[in-house]
Amino acid sequence: VSLVTQNLNQTSLRLERRLRELKSLQ
């Protein structure tokens, strides 16, 4: 369960960072 939660969190963080990058470029 910890491994699954960690992987989901890392995916979420990558998506959030990509969104911040796109907003900054805009």
PDB file of all heavy atoms in Angstrom:
ATOM      1  N   VAL A   1       0.841  -1.207   0.000  1.00  0.00           N
ATOM      2  CA  VAL A   1       0.000   0.000   0.000  1.00  0.00           C
ATOM      3  C   VAL A   1       0.872   1.253   0.000  1.00  0.00           C
ATOM      4  O   VAL A   1       0.581   2.224  -0.718  1.00  0.00           O
ATOM      5  CB  VAL A   1      -0.944  -0.010   1.219  1.00  0.00           C
ATOM      6  CG1 VAL A   1      -1.639   1.335   1.364  1.00  0.00           C
ATOM      7  CG2 VAL A   1      -1.962  -1.135   1.097  1.00  0.00           C
ATOM      8  N   SER A   2       1.950   1.243   0.770  1.00  0.00           N
ATOM      9  CA  SER A   2       2.852   2.401   0.822  1.00  0.00           C
ATOM     10  C   SER A   2       3.486   2.659  -0.536  1.00  0.00           C
ATOM     11  O   SER A   2       3.611   3.811  -0.974  1.00  0.00           O
ATOM     12  CB  SER A   2       3.941   2.174   1.872  1.00  0.00           C
ATOM     13  OG  SER A   2       3.388   2.105   3.167  1.00  0.00           O
ATOM     14  N   LEU A   3       3.903   1.587  -1.230  1.00  0.00           N
ATOM     15  CA  LEU A   3       4.532   1.746  -2.539  1.00  0.00           C
ATOM     16  C   LEU A   3       3.547   2.323  -3.562  1.00  0.00           C
ATOM     17  O   LEU A   3       3.902   3.205  -4.342  1.00  0.00           O
ATOM     18  CB  LEU A   3       5.061   0.394  -3.030  1.00  0.00           C
ATOM     19  CG  LEU A   3       6.300  -0.137  -2.315  1.00  0.00           C
ATOM     20  CD1 LEU A   3       6.627  -1.546  -2.790  1.00  0.00           C
ATOM     21  CD2 LEU A   3       7.493   0.791  -2.536  1.00  0.00           C
ATOM     22  N   VAL A   4       2.319   1.822  -3.542  1.00  0.00           N
ATOM     23  CA  VAL A   4       1.305   2.332  -4.469  1.00  0.00           C
ATOM     24  C   VAL A   4       1.029   3.806  -4.194  1.00  0.00           C
ATOM     25  O   VAL A   4       0.956   4.631  -5.113  1.00  0.00           O
ATOM     26  CB  VAL A   4       0.007   1.504  -4.366  1.00  0.00           C
ATOM     27  CG1 VAL A   4      -1.120   2.163  -5.157  1.00  0.00           C
ATOM     28  CG2 VAL A   4       0.238   0.085  -4.862  1.00  0.00           C
ATOM     29  N   THR A   5       0.877   4.153  -2.909  1.00  0.00           N
ATOM     30  CA  THR A   5       0.612   5.546  -2.535  1.00  0.00           C
ATOM     31  C   THR A   5       1.759   6.452  -2.950  1.00  0.00           C
ATOM     32  O   THR A   5       1.546   7.566  -3.460  1.00  0.00           O
ATOM     33  CB  THR A   5       0.392   5.658  -1.021  1.00  0.00           C
ATOM     34  OG1 THR A   5      -0.676   4.786  -0.631  1.00  0.00           O
ATOM     35  CG2 THR A   5       0.051   7.079  -0.623  1.00  0.00           C
ATOM     36  N   GLN A   6       2.997   5.984  -2.749  1.00  0.00           N
ATOM     37  CA  GLN A   6       4.162   6.783  -3.128  1.00  0.00           C
ATOM     38  C   GLN A   6       4.193   7.022  -4.637  1.00  0.00           C
ATOM     39  O   GLN A   6       4.449   8.141  -5.090  1.00  0.00           O
ATOM     40  CB  GLN A   6       5.441   6.086  -2.692  1.00  0.00           C
ATOM     41  CG  GLN A   6       6.707   6.886  -2.994  1.00  0.00           C
ATOM     42  CD  GLN A   6       7.964   6.098  -2.697  1.00  0.00           C
ATOM     43  OE1 GLN A   6       7.982   4.877  -2.822  1.00  0.00           O
ATOM     44  NE2 GLN A   6       9.023   6.783  -2.304  1.00  0.00           N
ATOM     45  N   ASN A   7       3.929   5.983  -5.431  1.00  0.00           N
ATOM     46  CA  ASN A   7       3.936   6.138  -6.891  1.00  0.00           C
ATOM     47  C   ASN A   7       2.861   7.108  -7.357  1.00  0.00           C
ATOM     48  O   ASN A   7       3.089   7.933  -8.250  1.00  0.00           O
ATOM     49  CB  ASN A   7       3.738   4.771  -7.560  1.00  0.00           C
ATOM     50  CG  ASN A   7       4.954   3.868  -7.410  1.00  0.00           C
ATOM     51  OD1 ASN A   7       6.068   4.358  -7.262  1.00  0.00           O
ATOM     52  ND2 ASN A   7       4.742   2.573  -7.442  1.00  0.00           N
ATOM     53  N   LEU A   8       1.667   7.020  -6.749  1.00  0.00           N
ATOM     54  CA  LEU A   8       0.600   7.950  -7.101  1.00  0.00           C
ATOM     55  C   LEU A   8       0.974   9.379  -6.745  1.00  0.00           C
ATOM     56  O   LEU A   8       0.701  10.321  -7.498  1.00  0.00           O
ATOM     57  CB  LEU A   8      -0.703   7.548  -6.390  1.00  0.00           C
ATOM     58  CG  LEU A   8      -1.366   6.256  -6.874  1.00  0.00           C
ATOM     59  CD1 LEU A   8      -2.552   5.915  -5.982  1.00  0.00           C
ATOM     60  CD2 LEU A   8      -1.817   6.384  -8.327  1.00  0.00           C
ATOM     61  N   ASN A   9       1.622   9.553  -5.587  1.00  0.00           N
ATOM     62  CA  ASN A   9       2.045  10.886  -5.168  1.00  0.00           C
ATOM     63  C   ASN A   9       3.089  11.464  -6.106  1.00  0.00           C
ATOM     64  O   ASN A   9       3.036  12.641  -6.471  1.00  0.00           O
ATOM     65  CB  ASN A   9       2.590  10.819  -3.742  1.00  0.00           C
ATOM     66  CG  ASN A   9       3.145  12.154  -3.259  1.00  0.00           C
ATOM     67  OD1 ASN A   9       4.348  12.288  -3.053  1.00  0.00           O
ATOM     68  ND2 ASN A   9       2.282  13.134  -3.061  1.00  0.00           N
ATOM     69  N   GLN A  10       4.059  10.640  -6.528  1.00  0.00           N
ATOM     70  CA  GLN A  10       5.091  11.124  -7.442  1.00  0.00           C
ATOM     71  C   GLN A  10       4.492  11.517  -8.785  1.00  0.00           C
ATOM     72  O   GLN A  10       4.889  12.523  -9.387  1.00  0.00           O
ATOM     73  CB  GLN A  10       6.162  10.044  -7.620  1.00  0.00           C
ATOM     74  CG  GLN A  10       7.011   9.830  -6.380  1.00  0.00           C
ATOM     75  CD  GLN A  10       7.987   8.684  -6.529  1.00  0.00           C
ATOM     76  OE1 GLN A  10       7.878   7.866  -7.452  1.00  0.00           O
ATOM     77  NE2 GLN A  10       8.946   8.590  -5.629  1.00  0.00           N
ATOM     78  N   THR A  11       3.541  10.728  -9.262  1.00  0.00           N
ATOM     79  CA  THR A  11       2.860  11.078 -10.514  1.00  0.00           C
ATOM     80  C   THR A  11       2.119  12.397 -10.377  1.00  0.00           C
ATOM     81  O   THR A  11       2.165  13.264 -11.273  1.00  0.00           O
ATOM     82  CB  THR A  11       1.873   9.969 -10.910  1.00  0.00           C
ATOM     83  OG1 THR A  11       2.578   8.739 -11.074  1.00  0.00           O
ATOM     84  CG2 THR A  11       1.169  10.316 -12.210  1.00  0.00           C
ATOM     85  N   SER A  12       1.432  12.577  -9.247  1.00  0.00           N
ATOM     86  CA  SER A  12       0.701  13.818  -9.005  1.00  0.00           C
ATOM     87  C   SER A  12       1.641  15.018  -8.947  1.00  0.00           C
ATOM     88  O   SER A  12       1.345  16.073  -9.508  1.00  0.00           O
ATOM     89  CB  SER A  12      -0.091  13.707  -7.697  1.00  0.00           C
ATOM     90  OG  SER A  12      -0.716  14.920  -7.362  1.00  0.00           O
ATOM     91  N   LEU A  13       2.801  14.856  -8.287  1.00  0.00           N
ATOM     92  CA  LEU A  13       3.769  15.949  -8.192  1.00  0.00           C
ATOM     93  C   LEU A  13       4.319  16.321  -9.568  1.00  0.00           C
ATOM     94  O   LEU A  13       4.521  17.507  -9.871  1.00  0.00           O
ATOM     95  CB  LEU A  13       4.916  15.554  -7.253  1.00  0.00           C
ATOM     96  CG  LEU A  13       4.572  15.431  -5.768  1.00  0.00           C
ATOM     97  CD1 LEU A  13       5.774  14.939  -4.990  1.00  0.00           C
ATOM     98  CD2 LEU A  13       4.099  16.772  -5.214  1.00  0.00           C
ATOM     99  N   ARG A  14       4.580  15.311 -10.413  1.00  0.00           N
ATOM    100  CA  ARG A  14       5.077  15.600 -11.762  1.00  0.00           C
ATOM    101  C   ARG A  14       4.042  16.378 -12.574  1.00  0.00           C
ATOM    102  O   ARG A  14       4.377  17.317 -13.299  1.00  0.00           O
ATOM    103  CB  ARG A  14       5.458  14.299 -12.475  1.00  0.00           C
ATOM    104  CG  ARG A  14       6.755  13.677 -11.982  1.00  0.00           C
ATOM    105  CD  ARG A  14       7.242  12.614 -12.946  1.00  0.00           C
ATOM    106  NE  ARG A  14       6.349  11.464 -12.955  1.00  0.00           N
ATOM    107  CZ  ARG A  14       6.508  10.391 -12.187  1.00  0.00           C
ATOM    108  NH1 ARG A  14       7.519  10.341 -11.340  1.00  0.00           N
ATOM    109  NH2 ARG A  14       5.663   9.381 -12.265  1.00  0.00           N
ATOM    110  N   LEU A  15       2.772  15.978 -12.453  1.00  0.00           N
ATOM    111  CA  LEU A  15       1.715  16.679 -13.177  1.00  0.00           C
ATOM    112  C   LEU A  15       1.560  18.118 -12.672  1.00  0.00           C
ATOM    113  O   LEU A  15       1.362  19.045 -13.459  1.00  0.00           O
ATOM    114  CB  LEU A  15       0.394  15.925 -13.031  1.00  0.00           C
ATOM    115  CG  LEU A  15       0.305  14.571 -13.745  1.00  0.00           C
ATOM    116  CD1 LEU A  15      -0.989  13.862 -13.372  1.00  0.00           C
ATOM    117  CD2 LEU A  15       0.401  14.757 -15.254  1.00  0.00           C
ATOM    118  N   GLU A  16       1.644  18.297 -11.339  1.00  0.00           N
ATOM    119  CA  GLU A  16       1.531  19.639 -10.775  1.00  0.00           C
ATOM    120  C   GLU A  16       2.681  20.525 -11.245  1.00  0.00           C
ATOM    121  O   GLU A  16       2.492  21.702 -11.564  1.00  0.00           O
ATOM    122  CB  GLU A  16       1.520  19.564  -9.252  1.00  0.00           C
ATOM    123  CG  GLU A  16       0.228  18.989  -8.674  1.00  0.00           C
ATOM    124  CD  GLU A  16       0.291  18.835  -7.168  1.00  0.00           C
ATOM    125  OE1 GLU A  16       1.328  19.250  -6.588  1.00  0.00           O
ATOM    126  OE2 GLU A  16      -0.653  18.302  -6.576  1.00  0.00           O
ATOM    127  N   ARG A  17       3.898  19.962 -11.290  1.00  0.00           N
ATOM    128  CA  ARG A  17       5.046  20.754 -11.745  1.00  0.00           C
ATOM    129  C   ARG A  17       4.890  21.125 -13.218  1.00  0.00           C
ATOM    130  O   ARG A  17       5.174  22.255 -13.623  1.00  0.00           O
ATOM    131  CB  ARG A  17       6.347  19.977 -11.537  1.00  0.00           C
ATOM    132  CG  ARG A  17       7.563  20.756 -12.036  1.00  0.00           C
ATOM    133  CD  ARG A  17       8.877  20.118 -11.677  1.00  0.00           C
ATOM    134  NE  ARG A  17       9.980  20.894 -12.215  1.00  0.00           N
ATOM    135  CZ  ARG A  17      10.475  21.983 -11.651  1.00  0.00           C
ATOM    136  NH1 ARG A  17       9.962  22.430 -10.519  1.00  0.00           N
ATOM    137  NH2 ARG A  17      11.482  22.636 -12.207  1.00  0.00           N
ATOM    138  N   ARG A  18       4.435  20.184 -14.030  1.00  0.00           N
ATOM    139  CA  ARG A  18       4.234  20.476 -15.445  1.00  0.00           C
ATOM    140  C   ARG A  18       3.196  21.583 -15.628  1.00  0.00           C
ATOM    141  O   ARG A  18       3.353  22.477 -16.480  1.00  0.00           O
ATOM    142  CB  ARG A  18       3.790  19.202 -16.172  1.00  0.00           C
ATOM    143  CG  ARG A  18       3.570  19.383 -17.663  1.00  0.00           C
ATOM    144  CD  ARG A  18       4.810  19.878 -18.348  1.00  0.00           C
ATOM    145  NE  ARG A  18       4.627  20.022 -19.788  1.00  0.00           N
ATOM    146  CZ  ARG A  18       5.376  20.767 -20.568  1.00  0.00           C
ATOM    147  NH1 ARG A  18       6.383  21.455 -20.048  1.00  0.00           N
ATOM    148  NH2 ARG A  18       5.146  20.822 -21.865  1.00  0.00           N
ATOM    149  N   LEU A  19       2.152  21.546 -14.800  1.00  0.00           N
ATOM    150  CA  LEU A  19       1.126  22.585 -14.878  1.00  0.00           C
ATOM    151  C   LEU A  19       1.704  23.946 -14.502  1.00  0.00           C
ATOM    152  O   LEU A  19       1.411  24.966 -15.146  1.00  0.00           O
ATOM    153  CB  LEU A  19      -0.044  22.223 -13.959  1.00  0.00           C
ATOM    154  CG  LEU A  19      -1.217  23.201 -13.921  1.00  0.00           C
ATOM    155  CD1 LEU A  19      -1.846  23.326 -15.305  1.00  0.00           C
ATOM    156  CD2 LEU A  19      -2.264  22.747 -12.904  1.00  0.00           C
ATOM    157  N   ARG A  20       2.550  23.983 -13.472  1.00  0.00           N
ATOM    158  CA  ARG A  20       3.186  25.247 -13.073  1.00  0.00           C
ATOM    159  C   ARG A  20       4.082  25.775 -14.188  1.00  0.00           C
ATOM    160  O   ARG A  20       4.145  26.978 -14.450  1.00  0.00           O
ATOM    161  CB  ARG A  20       3.991  25.061 -11.787  1.00  0.00           C
ATOM    162  CG  ARG A  20       3.152  24.831 -10.537  1.00  0.00           C
ATOM    163  CD  ARG A  20       3.971  25.080  -9.276  1.00  0.00           C
ATOM    164  NE  ARG A  20       5.149  24.234  -9.220  1.00  0.00           N
ATOM    165  CZ  ARG A  20       5.164  23.025  -8.660  1.00  0.00           C
ATOM    166  NH1 ARG A  20       4.049  22.527  -8.123  1.00  0.00           N
ATOM    167  NH2 ARG A  20       6.270  22.311  -8.625  1.00  0.00           N
ATOM    168  N   GLU A  21       4.816  24.847 -14.848  1.00  0.00           N
ATOM    169  CA  GLU A  21       5.684  25.268 -15.940  1.00  0.00           C
ATOM    170  C   GLU A  21       4.880  25.892 -17.080  1.00  0.00           C
ATOM    171  O   GLU A  21       5.261  26.920 -17.638  1.00  0.00           O
ATOM    172  CB  GLU A  21       6.484  24.069 -16.445  1.00  0.00           C
ATOM    173  CG  GLU A  21       7.526  23.567 -15.446  1.00  0.00           C
ATOM    174  CD  GLU A  21       8.140  22.254 -15.874  1.00  0.00           C
ATOM    175  OE1 GLU A  21       7.626  21.644 -16.839  1.00  0.00           O
ATOM    176  OE2 GLU A  21       9.132  21.839 -15.252  1.00  0.00           O
ATOM    177  N   LEU A  22       3.752  25.241 -17.435  1.00  0.00           N
ATOM    178  CA  LEU A  22       2.914  25.765 -18.515  1.00  0.00           C
ATOM    179  C   LEU A  22       2.330  27.129 -18.151  1.00  0.00           C
ATOM    180  O   LEU A  22       2.255  28.035 -18.995  1.00  0.00           O
ATOM    181  CB  LEU A  22       1.797  24.769 -18.833  1.00  0.00           C
ATOM    182  CG  LEU A  22       2.250  23.438 -19.465  1.00  0.00           C
ATOM    183  CD1 LEU A  22       1.073  22.480 -19.581  1.00  0.00           C
ATOM    184  CD2 LEU A  22       2.871  23.677 -20.834  1.00  0.00           C
ATOM    185  N   LYS A  23       1.906  27.291 -16.891  1.00  0.00           N
ATOM    186  CA  LYS A  23       1.371  28.583 -16.447  1.00  0.00           C
ATOM    187  C   LYS A  23       2.446  29.663 -16.499  1.00  0.00           C
ATOM    188  O   LYS A  23       2.175  30.816 -16.867  1.00  0.00           O
ATOM    189  CB  LYS A  23       0.802  28.465 -15.038  1.00  0.00           C
ATOM    190  CG  LYS A  23      -0.514  27.687 -14.958  1.00  0.00           C
ATOM    191  CD  LYS A  23      -1.024  27.649 -13.523  1.00  0.00           C
ATOM    192  CE  LYS A  23      -2.382  26.943 -13.456  1.00  0.00           C
ATOM    193  NZ  LYS A  23      -2.896  26.868 -12.058  1.00  0.00           N
ATOM    194  N   SER A  24       3.681  29.297 -16.132  1.00  0.00           N
ATOM    195  CA  SER A  24       4.779  30.262 -16.168  1.00  0.00           C
ATOM    196  C   SER A  24       5.092  30.680 -17.596  1.00  0.00           C
ATOM    197  O   SER A  24       5.308  31.864 -17.886  1.00  0.00           O
ATOM    198  CB  SER A  24       6.031  29.662 -15.508  1.00  0.00           C
ATOM    199  OG  SER A  24       5.805  29.448 -14.129  1.00  0.00           O
ATOM    200  N   LEU A  25       5.124  29.709 -18.503  1.00  0.00           N
ATOM    201  CA  LEU A  25       5.350  30.034 -19.911  1.00  0.00           C
ATOM    202  C   LEU A  25       4.251  30.942 -20.454  1.00  0.00           C
ATOM    203  O   LEU A  25       4.517  31.874 -21.218  1.00  0.00           O
ATOM    204  CB  LEU A  25       5.426  28.748 -20.732  1.00  0.00           C
ATOM    205  CG  LEU A  25       6.694  27.896 -20.551  1.00  0.00           C
ATOM    206  CD1 LEU A  25       6.559  26.574 -21.287  1.00  0.00           C
ATOM    207  CD2 LEU A  25       7.921  28.652 -21.040  1.00  0.00           C
ATOM    208  N   GLN A  26       3.013  30.672 -20.038  1.00  0.00           N
ATOM    209  CA  GLN A  26       1.900  31.506 -20.479  1.00  0.00           C
ATOM    210  C   GLN A  26       2.052  32.942 -19.969  1.00  0.00           C
ATOM    211  O   GLN A  26       1.809  33.909 -20.699  1.00  0.00           O
ATOM    212  CB  GLN A  26       0.582  30.907 -19.999  1.00  0.00           C
ATOM    213  CG  GLN A  26      -0.647  31.684 -20.459  1.00  0.00           C
ATOM    214  CD  GLN A  26      -1.929  31.103 -19.887  1.00  0.00           C
ATOM    215  OE1 GLN A  26      -1.938  30.526 -18.808  1.00  0.00           O
ATOM    216  NE2 GLN A  26      -3.029  31.251 -20.623  1.00  0.00           N
TER     217      GLN A  26
END
